[in-house]
Amino acid sequence: SSGIGLIMGRYRLMQNFKGKVEVRGVSSQTKKLMEISGLSSIVTIKE
C-alpha cells in the first residue's frame, strides 16, 4: 500500500504546479489494485 500512497502524494504535489501524473509499465494485477484504490480517477494508468 505504500506504493499507492507514493502515487497519491506525487499527484497532490503535481497539483501545485497544475501538472499531471501518469503511471506506466504496471502489471495487470497491479493495475487492478490501483483501480480499486481509486487512483485511476486521478492519474493515467498504463499496463
ModelCIF file with pLDDT and N, C-alpha, C, O atoms, coordinates in Angstrom:
data_MODEL
#
_entry.id   MODEL 
#
_entity.id                         1 
_entity.type                       polymer 
_entity.pdbx_number_of_molecules   1 
#
_entity_poly.entity_id                      1 
_entity_poly.type                           'polypeptide(L)' 
_entity_poly.nstd_linkage                   no 
_entity_poly.nstd_monomer                   no 
_entity_poly.pdbx_seq_one_letter_code       SSGIGLIMGRYRLMQNFKGKVEVRGVSSQTKKLMEISGLSSIVTIKE 
_entity_poly.pdbx_seq_one_letter_code_can   SSGIGLIMGRYRLMQNFKGKVEVRGVSSQTKKLMEISGLSSIVTIKE 
_entity_poly.pdbx_strand_id                 A 
#
loop_
_entity_poly_seq.entity_id 
_entity_poly_seq.num 
_entity_poly_seq.mon_id 
_entity_poly_seq.hetero 
1 1  SER n 
1 2  SER n 
1 3  GLY n 
1 4  ILE n 
1 5  GLY n 
1 6  LEU n 
1 7  ILE n 
1 8  MET n 
1 9  GLY n 
1 10 ARG n 
1 11 TYR n 
1 12 ARG n 
1 13 LEU n 
1 14 MET n 
1 15 GLN n 
1 16 ASN n 
1 17 PHE n 
1 18 LYS n 
1 19 GLY n 
1 20 LYS n 
1 21 VAL n 
1 22 GLU n 
1 23 VAL n 
1 24 ARG n 
1 25 GLY n 
1 26 VAL n 
1 27 SER n 
1 28 SER n 
1 29 GLN n 
1 30 THR n 
1 31 LYS n 
1 32 LYS n 
1 33 LEU n 
1 34 MET n 
1 35 GLU n 
1 36 ILE n 
1 37 SER n 
1 38 GLY n 
1 39 LEU n 
1 40 SER n 
1 41 SER n 
1 42 ILE n 
1 43 VAL n 
1 44 THR n 
1 45 ILE n 
1 46 LYS n 
1 47 GLU n 
#
_struct_asym.id          A 
_struct_asym.entity_id   1 
#
loop_
_ma_qa_metric.id 
_ma_qa_metric.mode 
_ma_qa_metric.name 
_ma_qa_metric.software_group_id 
_ma_qa_metric.type 
1 global pLDDT . pLDDT 
2 local  pLDDT . pLDDT 
#
_ma_qa_metric_global.metric_id      1 
_ma_qa_metric_global.metric_value   95.43 
_ma_qa_metric_global.model_id       1 
_ma_qa_metric_global.ordinal_id     1 
#
loop_
_ma_qa_metric_local.label_asym_id 
_ma_qa_metric_local.label_comp_id 
_ma_qa_metric_local.label_seq_id 
_ma_qa_metric_local.metric_id 
_ma_qa_metric_local.metric_value 
_ma_qa_metric_local.model_id 
_ma_qa_metric_local.ordinal_id 
A SER 1  2 93.00 1 1  
A SER 2  2 95.00 1 2  
A GLY 3  2 95.00 1 3  
A ILE 4  2 96.00 1 4  
A GLY 5  2 96.00 1 5  
A LEU 6  2 97.00 1 6  
A ILE 7  2 97.00 1 7  
A MET 8  2 97.00 1 8  
A GLY 9  2 97.00 1 9  
A ARG 10 2 98.00 1 10 
A TYR 11 2 98.00 1 11 
A ARG 12 2 97.00 1 12 
A LEU 13 2 97.00 1 13 
A MET 14 2 98.00 1 14 
A GLN 15 2 97.00 1 15 
A ASN 16 2 94.00 1 16 
A PHE 17 2 90.00 1 17 
A LYS 18 2 95.00 1 18 
A GLY 19 2 97.00 1 19 
A LYS 20 2 97.00 1 20 
A VAL 21 2 98.00 1 21 
A GLU 22 2 98.00 1 22 
A VAL 23 2 98.00 1 23 
A ARG 24 2 98.00 1 24 
A GLY 25 2 97.00 1 25 
A VAL 26 2 96.00 1 26 
A SER 27 2 92.00 1 27 
A SER 28 2 91.00 1 28 
A GLN 29 2 89.00 1 29 
A THR 30 2 90.00 1 30 
A LYS 31 2 93.00 1 31 
A LYS 32 2 93.00 1 32 
A LEU 33 2 91.00 1 33 
A MET 34 2 95.00 1 34 
A GLU 35 2 95.00 1 35 
A ILE 36 2 95.00 1 36 
A SER 37 2 95.00 1 37 
A GLY 38 2 95.00 1 38 
A LEU 39 2 96.00 1 39 
A SER 40 2 95.00 1 40 
A SER 41 2 96.00 1 41 
A ILE 42 2 96.00 1 42 
A VAL 43 2 98.00 1 43 
A THR 44 2 97.00 1 44 
A ILE 45 2 97.00 1 45 
A LYS 46 2 96.00 1 46 
A GLU 47 2 94.00 1 47 
#
loop_
_atom_site.group_PDB 
_atom_site.id 
_atom_site.type_symbol 
_atom_site.label_atom_id 
_atom_site.label_alt_id 
_atom_site.label_comp_id 
_atom_site.label_asym_id 
_atom_site.label_entity_id 
_atom_site.label_seq_id 
_atom_site.pdbx_PDB_ins_code 
_atom_site.Cartn_x 
_atom_site.Cartn_y 
_atom_site.Cartn_z 
_atom_site.occupancy 
_atom_site.B_iso_or_equiv 
_atom_site.pdbx_formal_charge 
_atom_site.auth_seq_id 
_atom_site.auth_comp_id 
_atom_site.auth_asym_id 
_atom_site.auth_atom_id 
_atom_site.pdbx_PDB_model_num 
ATOM 1   N N  . SER A 1 1  ? 0.813   -1.222 0.000   1.00 93.00 ? 1  SER A N  1 
ATOM 2   C CA . SER A 1 1  ? 0.000   0.000  0.000   1.00 93.00 ? 1  SER A CA 1 
ATOM 3   C C  . SER A 1 1  ? 0.848   1.274  0.000   1.00 93.00 ? 1  SER A C  1 
ATOM 4   O O  . SER A 1 1  ? 0.345   2.348  -0.331  1.00 93.00 ? 1  SER A O  1 
ATOM 5   N N  . SER A 1 2  ? 2.099   1.167  0.360   1.00 95.00 ? 2  SER A N  1 
ATOM 6   C CA . SER A 1 2  ? 2.995   2.335  0.311   1.00 95.00 ? 2  SER A CA 1 
ATOM 7   C C  . SER A 1 2  ? 3.145   2.849  -1.111  1.00 95.00 ? 2  SER A C  1 
ATOM 8   O O  . SER A 1 2  ? 3.354   4.044  -1.323  1.00 95.00 ? 2  SER A O  1 
ATOM 9   N N  . GLY A 1 3  ? 3.040   1.960  -2.080  1.00 95.00 ? 3  GLY A N  1 
ATOM 10  C CA . GLY A 1 3  ? 3.116   2.369  -3.482  1.00 95.00 ? 3  GLY A CA 1 
ATOM 11  C C  . GLY A 1 3  ? 1.928   3.232  -3.872  1.00 95.00 ? 3  GLY A C  1 
ATOM 12  O O  . GLY A 1 3  ? 2.073   4.196  -4.623  1.00 95.00 ? 3  GLY A O  1 
ATOM 13  N N  . ILE A 1 4  ? 0.751   2.883  -3.360  1.00 96.00 ? 4  ILE A N  1 
ATOM 14  C CA . ILE A 1 4  ? -0.448  3.684  -3.612  1.00 96.00 ? 4  ILE A CA 1 
ATOM 15  C C  . ILE A 1 4  ? -0.266  5.075  -2.994  1.00 96.00 ? 4  ILE A C  1 
ATOM 16  O O  . ILE A 1 4  ? -0.566  6.090  -3.622  1.00 96.00 ? 4  ILE A O  1 
ATOM 17  N N  . GLY A 1 5  ? 0.224   5.102  -1.771  1.00 96.00 ? 5  GLY A N  1 
ATOM 18  C CA . GLY A 1 5  ? 0.477   6.379  -1.095  1.00 96.00 ? 5  GLY A CA 1 
ATOM 19  C C  . GLY A 1 5  ? 1.518   7.213  -1.817  1.00 96.00 ? 5  GLY A C  1 
ATOM 20  O O  . GLY A 1 5  ? 1.403   8.437  -1.888  1.00 96.00 ? 5  GLY A O  1 
ATOM 21  N N  . LEU A 1 6  ? 2.530   6.553  -2.351  1.00 97.00 ? 6  LEU A N  1 
ATOM 22  C CA . LEU A 1 6  ? 3.582   7.244  -3.106  1.00 97.00 ? 6  LEU A CA 1 
ATOM 23  C C  . LEU A 1 6  ? 2.978   7.954  -4.313  1.00 97.00 ? 6  LEU A C  1 
ATOM 24  O O  . LEU A 1 6  ? 3.294   9.113  -4.582  1.00 97.00 ? 6  LEU A O  1 
ATOM 25  N N  . ILE A 1 7  ? 2.117   7.261  -5.030  1.00 97.00 ? 7  ILE A N  1 
ATOM 26  C CA . ILE A 1 7  ? 1.489   7.845  -6.218  1.00 97.00 ? 7  ILE A CA 1 
ATOM 27  C C  . ILE A 1 7  ? 0.565   8.997  -5.824  1.00 97.00 ? 7  ILE A C  1 
ATOM 28  O O  . ILE A 1 7  ? 0.598   10.065 -6.436  1.00 97.00 ? 7  ILE A O  1 
ATOM 29  N N  . MET A 1 8  ? -0.254  8.775  -4.807  1.00 97.00 ? 8  MET A N  1 
ATOM 30  C CA . MET A 1 8  ? -1.204  9.821  -4.388  1.00 97.00 ? 8  MET A CA 1 
ATOM 31  C C  . MET A 1 8  ? -0.481  11.085 -3.925  1.00 97.00 ? 8  MET A C  1 
ATOM 32  O O  . MET A 1 8  ? -0.910  12.197 -4.232  1.00 97.00 ? 8  MET A O  1 
ATOM 33  N N  . GLY A 1 9  ? 0.595   10.916 -3.200  1.00 97.00 ? 9  GLY A N  1 
ATOM 34  C CA . GLY A 1 9  ? 1.358   12.071 -2.729  1.00 97.00 ? 9  GLY A CA 1 
ATOM 35  C C  . GLY A 1 9  ? 1.989   12.856 -3.863  1.00 97.00 ? 9  GLY A C  1 
ATOM 36  O O  . GLY A 1 9  ? 2.013   14.087 -3.830  1.00 97.00 ? 9  GLY A O  1 
ATOM 37  N N  . ARG A 1 10 ? 2.511   12.142 -4.887  1.00 98.00 ? 10 ARG A N  1 
ATOM 38  C CA . ARG A 1 10 ? 3.109   12.835 -6.030  1.00 98.00 ? 10 ARG A CA 1 
ATOM 39  C C  . ARG A 1 10 ? 2.019   13.533 -6.831  1.00 98.00 ? 10 ARG A C  1 
ATOM 40  O O  . ARG A 1 10 ? 2.252   14.602 -7.394  1.00 98.00 ? 10 ARG A O  1 
ATOM 41  N N  . TYR A 1 11 ? 0.825   12.934 -6.887  1.00 98.00 ? 11 TYR A N  1 
ATOM 42  C CA . TYR A 1 11 ? -0.309  13.582 -7.555  1.00 98.00 ? 11 TYR A CA 1 
ATOM 43  C C  . TYR A 1 11 ? -0.626  14.910 -6.859  1.00 98.00 ? 11 TYR A C  1 
ATOM 44  O O  . TYR A 1 11 ? -0.793  15.936 -7.518  1.00 98.00 ? 11 TYR A O  1 
ATOM 45  N N  . ARG A 1 12 ? -0.707  14.885 -5.537  1.00 97.00 ? 12 ARG A N  1 
ATOM 46  C CA . ARG A 1 12 ? -1.005  16.121 -4.793  1.00 97.00 ? 12 ARG A CA 1 
ATOM 47  C C  . ARG A 1 12 ? 0.065   17.175 -5.021  1.00 97.00 ? 12 ARG A C  1 
ATOM 48  O O  . ARG A 1 12 ? -0.249  18.351 -5.207  1.00 97.00 ? 12 ARG A O  1 
ATOM 49  N N  . LEU A 1 13 ? 1.317   16.765 -5.008  1.00 97.00 ? 13 LEU A N  1 
ATOM 50  C CA . LEU A 1 13 ? 2.413   17.715 -5.234  1.00 97.00 ? 13 LEU A CA 1 
ATOM 51  C C  . LEU A 1 13 ? 2.337   18.300 -6.640  1.00 97.00 ? 13 LEU A C  1 
ATOM 52  O O  . LEU A 1 13 ? 2.528   19.502 -6.823  1.00 97.00 ? 13 LEU A O  1 
ATOM 53  N N  . MET A 1 14 ? 2.063   17.468 -7.623  1.00 98.00 ? 14 MET A N  1 
ATOM 54  C CA . MET A 1 14 ? 1.969   17.948 -9.009  1.00 98.00 ? 14 MET A CA 1 
ATOM 55  C C  . MET A 1 14 ? 0.791   18.906 -9.190  1.00 98.00 ? 14 MET A C  1 
ATOM 56  O O  . MET A 1 14 ? 0.833   19.761 -10.075 1.00 98.00 ? 14 MET A O  1 
ATOM 57  N N  . GLN A 1 15 ? -0.241  18.786 -8.388  1.00 97.00 ? 15 GLN A N  1 
ATOM 58  C CA . GLN A 1 15 ? -1.377  19.699 -8.464  1.00 97.00 ? 15 GLN A CA 1 
ATOM 59  C C  . GLN A 1 15 ? -0.948  21.128 -8.146  1.00 97.00 ? 15 GLN A C  1 
ATOM 60  O O  . GLN A 1 15 ? -1.550  22.077 -8.649  1.00 97.00 ? 15 GLN A O  1 
ATOM 61  N N  . ASN A 1 16 ? 0.076   21.294 -7.324  1.00 94.00 ? 16 ASN A N  1 
ATOM 62  C CA . ASN A 1 16 ? 0.601   22.631 -7.011  1.00 94.00 ? 16 ASN A CA 1 
ATOM 63  C C  . ASN A 1 16 ? 1.117   23.342 -8.260  1.00 94.00 ? 16 ASN A C  1 
ATOM 64  O O  . ASN A 1 16 ? 1.130   24.572 -8.319  1.00 94.00 ? 16 ASN A O  1 
ATOM 65  N N  . PHE A 1 17 ? 1.541   22.568 -9.253  1.00 90.00 ? 17 PHE A N  1 
ATOM 66  C CA . PHE A 1 17 ? 2.089   23.129 -10.491 1.00 90.00 ? 17 PHE A CA 1 
ATOM 67  C C  . PHE A 1 17 ? 1.144   22.898 -11.665 1.00 90.00 ? 17 PHE A C  1 
ATOM 68  O O  . PHE A 1 17 ? 1.520   23.059 -12.826 1.00 90.00 ? 17 PHE A O  1 
ATOM 69  N N  . LYS A 1 18 ? -0.091  22.518 -11.340 1.00 95.00 ? 18 LYS A N  1 
ATOM 70  C CA . LYS A 1 18 ? -1.101  22.202 -12.361 1.00 95.00 ? 18 LYS A CA 1 
ATOM 71  C C  . LYS A 1 18 ? -0.600  21.123 -13.330 1.00 95.00 ? 18 LYS A C  1 
ATOM 72  O O  . LYS A 1 18 ? -0.885  21.147 -14.528 1.00 95.00 ? 18 LYS A O  1 
ATOM 73  N N  . GLY A 1 19 ? 0.153   20.182 -12.765 1.00 97.00 ? 19 GLY A N  1 
ATOM 74  C CA . GLY A 1 19 ? 0.727   19.099 -13.553 1.00 97.00 ? 19 GLY A CA 1 
ATOM 75  C C  . GLY A 1 19 ? -0.100  17.831 -13.501 1.00 97.00 ? 19 GLY A C  1 
ATOM 76  O O  . GLY A 1 19 ? -1.038  17.707 -12.713 1.00 97.00 ? 19 GLY A O  1 
ATOM 77  N N  . LYS A 1 20 ? 0.270   16.882 -14.367 1.00 97.00 ? 20 LYS A N  1 
ATOM 78  C CA . LYS A 1 20 ? -0.426  15.600 -14.465 1.00 97.00 ? 20 LYS A CA 1 
ATOM 79  C C  . LYS A 1 20 ? 0.534   14.467 -14.138 1.00 97.00 ? 20 LYS A C  1 
ATOM 80  O O  . LYS A 1 20 ? 1.752   14.599 -14.258 1.00 97.00 ? 20 LYS A O  1 
ATOM 81  N N  . VAL A 1 21 ? -0.055  13.344 -13.720 1.00 98.00 ? 21 VAL A N  1 
ATOM 82  C CA . VAL A 1 21 ? 0.736   12.164 -13.373 1.00 98.00 ? 21 VAL A CA 1 
ATOM 83  C C  . VAL A 1 21 ? 0.263   10.989 -14.214 1.00 98.00 ? 21 VAL A C  1 
ATOM 84  O O  . VAL A 1 21 ? -0.935  10.761 -14.383 1.00 98.00 ? 21 VAL A O  1 
ATOM 85  N N  . GLU A 1 22 ? 1.235   10.250 -14.738 1.00 98.00 ? 22 GLU A N  1 
ATOM 86  C CA . GLU A 1 22 ? 0.958   9.009  -15.459 1.00 98.00 ? 22 GLU A CA 1 
ATOM 87  C C  . GLU A 1 22 ? 1.767   7.903  -14.801 1.00 98.00 ? 22 GLU A C  1 
ATOM 88  O O  . GLU A 1 22 ? 2.949   8.076  -14.507 1.00 98.00 ? 22 GLU A O  1 
ATOM 89  N N  . VAL A 1 23 ? 1.123   6.767  -14.573 1.00 98.00 ? 23 VAL A N  1 
ATOM 90  C CA . VAL A 1 23 ? 1.805   5.583  -14.055 1.00 98.00 ? 23 VAL A CA 1 
ATOM 91  C C  . VAL A 1 23 ? 1.822   4.577  -15.193 1.00 98.00 ? 23 VAL A C  1 
ATOM 92  O O  . VAL A 1 23 ? 0.770   4.208  -15.716 1.00 98.00 ? 23 VAL A O  1 
ATOM 93  N N  . ARG A 1 24 ? 3.014   4.130  -15.579 1.00 98.00 ? 24 ARG A N  1 
ATOM 94  C CA . ARG A 1 24 ? 3.089   3.222  -16.719 1.00 98.00 ? 24 ARG A CA 1 
ATOM 95  C C  . ARG A 1 24 ? 3.925   1.998  -16.381 1.00 98.00 ? 24 ARG A C  1 
ATOM 96  O O  . ARG A 1 24 ? 4.695   1.981  -15.422 1.00 98.00 ? 24 ARG A O  1 
ATOM 97  N N  . GLY A 1 25 ? 3.741   0.972  -17.211 1.00 97.00 ? 25 GLY A N  1 
ATOM 98  C CA . GLY A 1 25 ? 4.522   -0.249 -17.039 1.00 97.00 ? 25 GLY A CA 1 
ATOM 99  C C  . GLY A 1 25 ? 4.058   -1.123 -15.892 1.00 97.00 ? 25 GLY A C  1 
ATOM 100 O O  . GLY A 1 25 ? 4.847   -1.906 -15.363 1.00 97.00 ? 25 GLY A O  1 
ATOM 101 N N  . VAL A 1 26 ? 2.789   -1.010 -15.490 1.00 96.00 ? 26 VAL A N  1 
ATOM 102 C CA . VAL A 1 26 ? 2.297   -1.820 -14.377 1.00 96.00 ? 26 VAL A CA 1 
ATOM 103 C C  . VAL A 1 26 ? 1.755   -3.149 -14.889 1.00 96.00 ? 26 VAL A C  1 
ATOM 104 O O  . VAL A 1 26 ? 1.290   -3.246 -16.024 1.00 96.00 ? 26 VAL A O  1 
ATOM 105 N N  . SER A 1 27 ? 1.818   -4.159 -14.049 1.00 92.00 ? 27 SER A N  1 
ATOM 106 C CA . SER A 1 27 ? 1.234   -5.456 -14.401 1.00 92.00 ? 27 SER A CA 1 
ATOM 107 C C  . SER A 1 27 ? -0.284  -5.345 -14.340 1.00 92.00 ? 27 SER A C  1 
ATOM 108 O O  . SER A 1 27 ? -0.818  -4.401 -13.756 1.00 92.00 ? 27 SER A O  1 
ATOM 109 N N  . SER A 1 28 ? -0.977  -6.304 -14.940 1.00 91.00 ? 28 SER A N  1 
ATOM 110 C CA . SER A 1 28 ? -2.447  -6.256 -14.909 1.00 91.00 ? 28 SER A CA 1 
ATOM 111 C C  . SER A 1 28 ? -2.965  -6.369 -13.479 1.00 91.00 ? 28 SER A C  1 
ATOM 112 O O  . SER A 1 28 ? -3.970  -5.748 -13.134 1.00 91.00 ? 28 SER A O  1 
ATOM 113 N N  . GLN A 1 29 ? -2.290  -7.152 -12.650 1.00 89.00 ? 29 GLN A N  1 
ATOM 114 C CA . GLN A 1 29 ? -2.702  -7.294 -11.242 1.00 89.00 ? 29 GLN A CA 1 
ATOM 115 C C  . GLN A 1 29 ? -2.511  -5.981 -10.482 1.00 89.00 ? 29 GLN A C  1 
ATOM 116 O O  . GLN A 1 29 ? -3.386  -5.576 -9.717  1.00 89.00 ? 29 GLN A O  1 
ATOM 117 N N  . THR A 1 30 ? -1.385  -5.322 -10.686 1.00 90.00 ? 30 THR A N  1 
ATOM 118 C CA . THR A 1 30 ? -1.129  -4.049 -10.022 1.00 90.00 ? 30 THR A CA 1 
ATOM 119 C C  . THR A 1 30 ? -2.106  -2.986 -10.514 1.00 90.00 ? 30 THR A C  1 
ATOM 120 O O  . THR A 1 30 ? -2.558  -2.146 -9.736  1.00 90.00 ? 30 THR A O  1 
ATOM 121 N N  . LYS A 1 31 ? -2.427  -3.022 -11.794 1.00 93.00 ? 31 LYS A N  1 
ATOM 122 C CA . LYS A 1 31 ? -3.392  -2.064 -12.338 1.00 93.00 ? 31 LYS A CA 1 
ATOM 123 C C  . LYS A 1 31 ? -4.748  -2.228 -11.657 1.00 93.00 ? 31 LYS A C  1 
ATOM 124 O O  . LYS A 1 31 ? -5.403  -1.240 -11.326 1.00 93.00 ? 31 LYS A O  1 
ATOM 125 N N  . LYS A 1 32 ? -5.164  -3.465 -11.450 1.00 93.00 ? 32 LYS A N  1 
ATOM 126 C CA . LYS A 1 32 ? -6.434  -3.719 -10.762 1.00 93.00 ? 32 LYS A CA 1 
ATOM 127 C C  . LYS A 1 32 ? -6.420  -3.136 -9.355  1.00 93.00 ? 32 LYS A C  1 
ATOM 128 O O  . LYS A 1 32 ? -7.393  -2.513 -8.929  1.00 93.00 ? 32 LYS A O  1 
ATOM 129 N N  . LEU A 1 33 ? -5.319  -3.337 -8.632  1.00 91.00 ? 33 LEU A N  1 
ATOM 130 C CA . LEU A 1 33 ? -5.204  -2.779 -7.275  1.00 91.00 ? 33 LEU A CA 1 
ATOM 131 C C  . LEU A 1 33 ? -5.279  -1.250 -7.297  1.00 91.00 ? 33 LEU A C  1 
ATOM 132 O O  . LEU A 1 33 ? -5.914  -0.634 -6.441  1.00 91.00 ? 33 LEU A O  1 
ATOM 133 N N  . MET A 1 34 ? -4.627  -0.660 -8.277  1.00 95.00 ? 34 MET A N  1 
ATOM 134 C CA . MET A 1 34 ? -4.648  0.795  -8.391  1.00 95.00 ? 34 MET A CA 1 
ATOM 135 C C  . MET A 1 34 ? -6.052  1.304  -8.715  1.00 95.00 ? 34 MET A C  1 
ATOM 136 O O  . MET A 1 34 ? -6.479  2.337  -8.202  1.00 95.00 ? 34 MET A O  1 
ATOM 137 N N  . GLU A 1 35 ? -6.760  0.574  -9.567  1.00 95.00 ? 35 GLU A N  1 
ATOM 138 C CA . GLU A 1 35 ? -8.127  0.964  -9.906  1.00 95.00 ? 35 GLU A CA 1 
ATOM 139 C C  . GLU A 1 35 ? -9.054  0.824  -8.698  1.00 95.00 ? 35 GLU A C  1 
ATOM 140 O O  . GLU A 1 35 ? -9.893  1.693  -8.460  1.00 95.00 ? 35 GLU A O  1 
ATOM 141 N N  . ILE A 1 36 ? -8.910  -0.256 -7.939  1.00 95.00 ? 36 ILE A N  1 
ATOM 142 C CA . ILE A 1 36 ? -9.724  -0.464 -6.738  1.00 95.00 ? 36 ILE A CA 1 
ATOM 143 C C  . ILE A 1 36 ? -9.494  0.645  -5.723  1.00 95.00 ? 36 ILE A C  1 
ATOM 144 O O  . ILE A 1 36 ? -10.422 1.072  -5.036  1.00 95.00 ? 36 ILE A O  1 
ATOM 145 N N  . SER A 1 37 ? -8.248  1.111  -5.633  1.00 95.00 ? 37 SER A N  1 
ATOM 146 C CA . SER A 1 37 ? -7.918  2.168  -4.668  1.00 95.00 ? 37 SER A CA 1 
ATOM 147 C C  . SER A 1 37 ? -8.419  3.540  -5.105  1.00 95.00 ? 37 SER A C  1 
ATOM 148 O O  . SER A 1 37 ? -8.384  4.490  -4.323  1.00 95.00 ? 37 SER A O  1 
ATOM 149 N N  . GLY A 1 38 ? -8.882  3.650  -6.342  1.00 95.00 ? 38 GLY A N  1 
ATOM 150 C CA . GLY A 1 38 ? -9.388  4.923  -6.849  1.00 95.00 ? 38 GLY A CA 1 
ATOM 151 C C  . GLY A 1 38 ? -8.363  5.758  -7.589  1.00 95.00 ? 38 GLY A C  1 
ATOM 152 O O  . GLY A 1 38 ? -8.667  6.868  -8.026  1.00 95.00 ? 38 GLY A O  1 
ATOM 153 N N  . LEU A 1 39 ? -7.157  5.241  -7.736  1.00 96.00 ? 39 LEU A N  1 
ATOM 154 C CA . LEU A 1 39 ? -6.107  6.008  -8.417  1.00 96.00 ? 39 LEU A CA 1 
ATOM 155 C C  . LEU A 1 39 ? -6.460  6.333  -9.862  1.00 96.00 ? 39 LEU A C  1 
ATOM 156 O O  . LEU A 1 39 ? -6.063  7.375  -10.383 1.00 96.00 ? 39 LEU A O  1 
ATOM 157 N N  . SER A 1 40 ? -7.202  5.443  -10.507 1.00 95.00 ? 40 SER A N  1 
ATOM 158 C CA . SER A 1 40 ? -7.498  5.657  -11.932 1.00 95.00 ? 40 SER A CA 1 
ATOM 159 C C  . SER A 1 40 ? -8.362  6.890  -12.173 1.00 95.00 ? 40 SER A C  1 
ATOM 160 O O  . SER A 1 40 ? -8.484  7.349  -13.309 1.00 95.00 ? 40 SER A O  1 
ATOM 161 N N  . SER A 1 41 ? -8.966  7.432  -11.107 1.00 96.00 ? 41 SER A N  1 
ATOM 162 C CA . SER A 1 41 ? -9.771  8.645  -11.276 1.00 96.00 ? 41 SER A CA 1 
ATOM 163 C C  . SER A 1 41 ? -8.918  9.915  -11.210 1.00 96.00 ? 41 SER A C  1 
ATOM 164 O O  . SER A 1 41 ? -9.395  10.998 -11.551 1.00 96.00 ? 41 SER A O  1 
ATOM 165 N N  . ILE A 1 42 ? -7.656  9.788  -10.773 1.00 96.00 ? 42 ILE A N  1 
ATOM 166 C CA . ILE A 1 42 ? -6.810  10.980 -10.658 1.00 96.00 ? 42 ILE A CA 1 
ATOM 167 C C  . ILE A 1 42 ? -5.537  10.922 -11.498 1.00 96.00 ? 42 ILE A C  1 
ATOM 168 O O  . ILE A 1 42 ? -4.954  11.961 -11.809 1.00 96.00 ? 42 ILE A O  1 
ATOM 169 N N  . VAL A 1 43 ? -5.098  9.707  -11.871 1.00 98.00 ? 43 VAL A N  1 
ATOM 170 C CA . VAL A 1 43 ? -3.891  9.564  -12.694 1.00 98.00 ? 43 VAL A CA 1 
ATOM 171 C C  . VAL A 1 43 ? -4.187  8.620  -13.854 1.00 98.00 ? 43 VAL A C  1 
ATOM 172 O O  . VAL A 1 43 ? -5.126  7.827  -13.801 1.00 98.00 ? 43 VAL A O  1 
ATOM 173 N N  . THR A 1 44 ? -3.379  8.717  -14.893 1.00 97.00 ? 44 THR A N  1 
ATOM 174 C CA . THR A 1 44 ? -3.468  7.791  -16.020 1.00 97.00 ? 44 THR A CA 1 
ATOM 175 C C  . THR A 1 44 ? -2.638  6.561  -15.684 1.00 97.00 ? 44 THR A C  1 
ATOM 176 O O  . THR A 1 44 ? -1.484  6.683  -15.273 1.00 97.00 ? 44 THR A O  1 
ATOM 177 N N  . ILE A 1 45 ? -3.213  5.381  -15.856 1.00 97.00 ? 45 ILE A N  1 
ATOM 178 C CA . ILE A 1 45 ? -2.516  4.125  -15.562 1.00 97.00 ? 45 ILE A CA 1 
ATOM 179 C C  . ILE A 1 45 ? -2.422  3.323  -16.847 1.00 97.00 ? 45 ILE A C  1 
ATOM 180 O O  . ILE A 1 45 ? -3.426  3.066  -17.511 1.00 97.00 ? 45 ILE A O  1 
ATOM 181 N N  . LYS A 1 46 ? -1.185  2.927  -17.191 1.00 96.00 ? 46 LYS A N  1 
ATOM 182 C CA . LYS A 1 46 ? -0.965  2.147  -18.410 1.00 96.00 ? 46 LYS A CA 1 
ATOM 183 C C  . LYS A 1 46 ? -0.245  0.848  -18.071 1.00 96.00 ? 46 LYS A C  1 
ATOM 184 O O  . LYS A 1 46 ? 0.780   0.845  -17.389 1.00 96.00 ? 46 LYS A O  1 
ATOM 185 N N  . GLU A 1 47 ? -0.804  -0.257 -18.562 1.00 94.00 ? 47 GLU A N  1 
ATOM 186 C CA . GLU A 1 47 ? -0.206  -1.571 -18.334 1.00 94.00 ? 47 GLU A CA 1 
ATOM 187 C C  . GLU A 1 47 ? 1.059   -1.767 -19.157 1.00 94.00 ? 47 GLU A C  1 
ATOM 188 O O  . GLU A 1 47 ? 1.687   -2.823 -19.081 1.00 94.00 ? 47 GLU A O  1 
#
